[in-house]
Amino acid sequence: MTWPPELGTLGGMAWTTPRLDPERSRRRQQLIAELAGARAVRQRERPQRVRSERLRELIATRRRVAG
């Protein structure tokens, strides 16, 4: 099977990305930065949360055993 000659090939086409308007681009960059900051905060707080949950479980287990 061959391509009809009127369709041509993709060899001459360049990959281009549509340019965003400056305001949309700025908002997008701001959102990406805020998401990265929130992710960093969650990862910093996670070890403390795990420790406190483990401590709560230990206290509850001791109460069950003692009670």
C-alpha atoms as a PDB file:
ATOM      1  CA  MET A   1       0.000   0.000   0.000  1.00  0.00           C
ATOM      2  CA  THR A   2       1.392   3.419  -0.897  1.00  0.00           C
ATOM      3  CA  TRP A   3       0.396   6.935   0.080  1.00  0.00           C
ATOM      4  CA  PRO A   4      -1.419   9.003  -2.524  1.00  0.00           C
ATOM      5  CA  PRO A   5       1.025  11.614  -3.842  1.00  0.00           C
ATOM      6  CA  GLU A   6      -1.308  14.510  -3.024  1.00  0.00           C
ATOM      7  CA  LEU A   7      -1.057  13.763   0.728  1.00  0.00           C
ATOM      8  CA  GLY A   8       2.725  14.121   0.798  1.00  0.00           C
ATOM      9  CA  THR A   9       4.871  13.054   3.761  1.00  0.00           C
ATOM     10  CA  LEU A  10       5.472  14.323   7.258  1.00  0.00           C
ATOM     11  CA  GLY A  11       9.165  14.871   6.514  1.00  0.00           C
ATOM     12  CA  GLY A  12       8.716  18.569   5.768  1.00  0.00           C
ATOM     13  CA  MET A  13       6.535  19.354   8.776  1.00  0.00           C
ATOM     14  CA  ALA A  14       8.184  20.924  11.787  1.00  0.00           C
ATOM     15  CA  TRP A  15       7.014  20.210  15.322  1.00  0.00           C
ATOM     16  CA  THR A  16       5.910  23.483  16.811  1.00  0.00           C
ATOM     17  CA  THR A  17       4.171  24.217  20.071  1.00  0.00           C
ATOM     18  CA  PRO A  18       1.526  26.903  20.180  1.00  0.00           C
ATOM     19  CA  ARG A  19       2.751  29.975  22.069  1.00  0.00           C
ATOM     20  CA  LEU A  20       0.762  30.815  25.144  1.00  0.00           C
ATOM     21  CA  ASP A  21      -0.093  34.359  25.922  1.00  0.00           C
ATOM     22  CA  PRO A  22       2.241  35.854  28.575  1.00  0.00           C
ATOM     23  CA  GLU A  23      -0.443  36.047  31.283  1.00  0.00           C
ATOM     24  CA  ARG A  24      -1.436  32.414  30.865  1.00  0.00           C
ATOM     25  CA  SER A  25       2.197  31.358  30.856  1.00  0.00           C
ATOM     26  CA  ARG A  26       2.854  33.338  34.060  1.00  0.00           C
ATOM     27  CA  ARG A  27      -0.172  31.789  35.797  1.00  0.00           C
ATOM     28  CA  ARG A  28       0.934  28.322  34.704  1.00  0.00           C
ATOM     29  CA  GLN A  29       4.441  28.831  36.070  1.00  0.00           C
ATOM     30  CA  GLN A  30       3.009  30.177  39.329  1.00  0.00           C
ATOM     31  CA  LEU A  31       0.732  27.142  39.691  1.00  0.00           C
ATOM     32  CA  ILE A  32       3.617  24.752  39.033  1.00  0.00           C
ATOM     33  CA  ALA A  33       5.729  26.522  41.673  1.00  0.00           C
ATOM     34  CA  GLU A  34       2.885  26.378  44.226  1.00  0.00           C
ATOM     35  CA  LEU A  35       2.361  22.666  43.580  1.00  0.00           C
ATOM     36  CA  ALA A  36       6.076  21.987  44.017  1.00  0.00           C
ATOM     37  CA  GLY A  37       6.073  23.942  47.281  1.00  0.00           C
ATOM     38  CA  ALA A  38       3.050  22.049  48.597  1.00  0.00           C
ATOM     39  CA  ARG A  39       4.681  18.738  47.691  1.00  0.00           C
ATOM     40  CA  ALA A  40       7.851  19.725  49.541  1.00  0.00           C
ATOM     41  CA  VAL A  41       5.862  20.677  52.662  1.00  0.00           C
ATOM     42  CA  ARG A  42       3.963  17.374  52.602  1.00  0.00           C
ATOM     43  CA  GLN A  43       7.185  15.393  52.301  1.00  0.00           C
ATOM     44  CA  ARG A  44       8.759  17.335  55.185  1.00  0.00           C
ATOM     45  CA  GLU A  45       5.735  16.776  57.436  1.00  0.00           C
ATOM     46  CA  ARG A  46       5.208  13.132  56.551  1.00  0.00           C
ATOM     47  CA  PRO A  47       7.886  11.658  58.916  1.00  0.00           C
ATOM     48  CA  GLN A  48       6.409  13.582  61.865  1.00  0.00           C
ATOM     49  CA  ARG A  49       2.921  12.368  60.981  1.00  0.00           C
ATOM     50  CA  VAL A  50       4.127   8.762  60.761  1.00  0.00           C
ATOM     51  CA  ARG A  51       5.862   9.053  64.145  1.00  0.00           C
ATOM     52  CA  SER A  52       2.803  10.557  65.820  1.00  0.00           C
ATOM     53  CA  GLU A  53       0.482   7.907  64.323  1.00  0.00           C
ATOM     54  CA  ARG A  54       2.823   5.153  65.518  1.00  0.00           C
ATOM     55  CA  LEU A  55       2.888   6.672  69.007  1.00  0.00           C
ATOM     56  CA  ARG A  56      -0.920   6.877  69.092  1.00  0.00           C
ATOM     57  CA  GLU A  57      -1.182   3.222  68.072  1.00  0.00           C
ATOM     58  CA  LEU A  58       1.310   2.226  70.787  1.00  0.00           C
ATOM     59  CA  ILE A  59      -0.632   4.147  73.441  1.00  0.00           C
ATOM     60  CA  ALA A  60      -3.920   2.575  72.303  1.00  0.00           C
ATOM     61  CA  THR A  61      -2.373  -0.919  72.386  1.00  0.00           C
ATOM     62  CA  ARG A  62      -1.016  -0.376  75.901  1.00  0.00           C
ATOM     63  CA  ARG A  63      -4.439   0.818  77.064  1.00  0.00           C
ATOM     64  CA  ARG A  64      -6.096  -2.273  75.599  1.00  0.00           C
ATOM     65  CA  VAL A  65      -3.556  -4.577  77.222  1.00  0.00           C
ATOM     66  CA  ALA A  66      -3.691  -2.779  80.578  1.00  0.00           C
ATOM     67  CA  GLY A  67      -7.464  -2.350  80.556  1.00  0.00           C
END
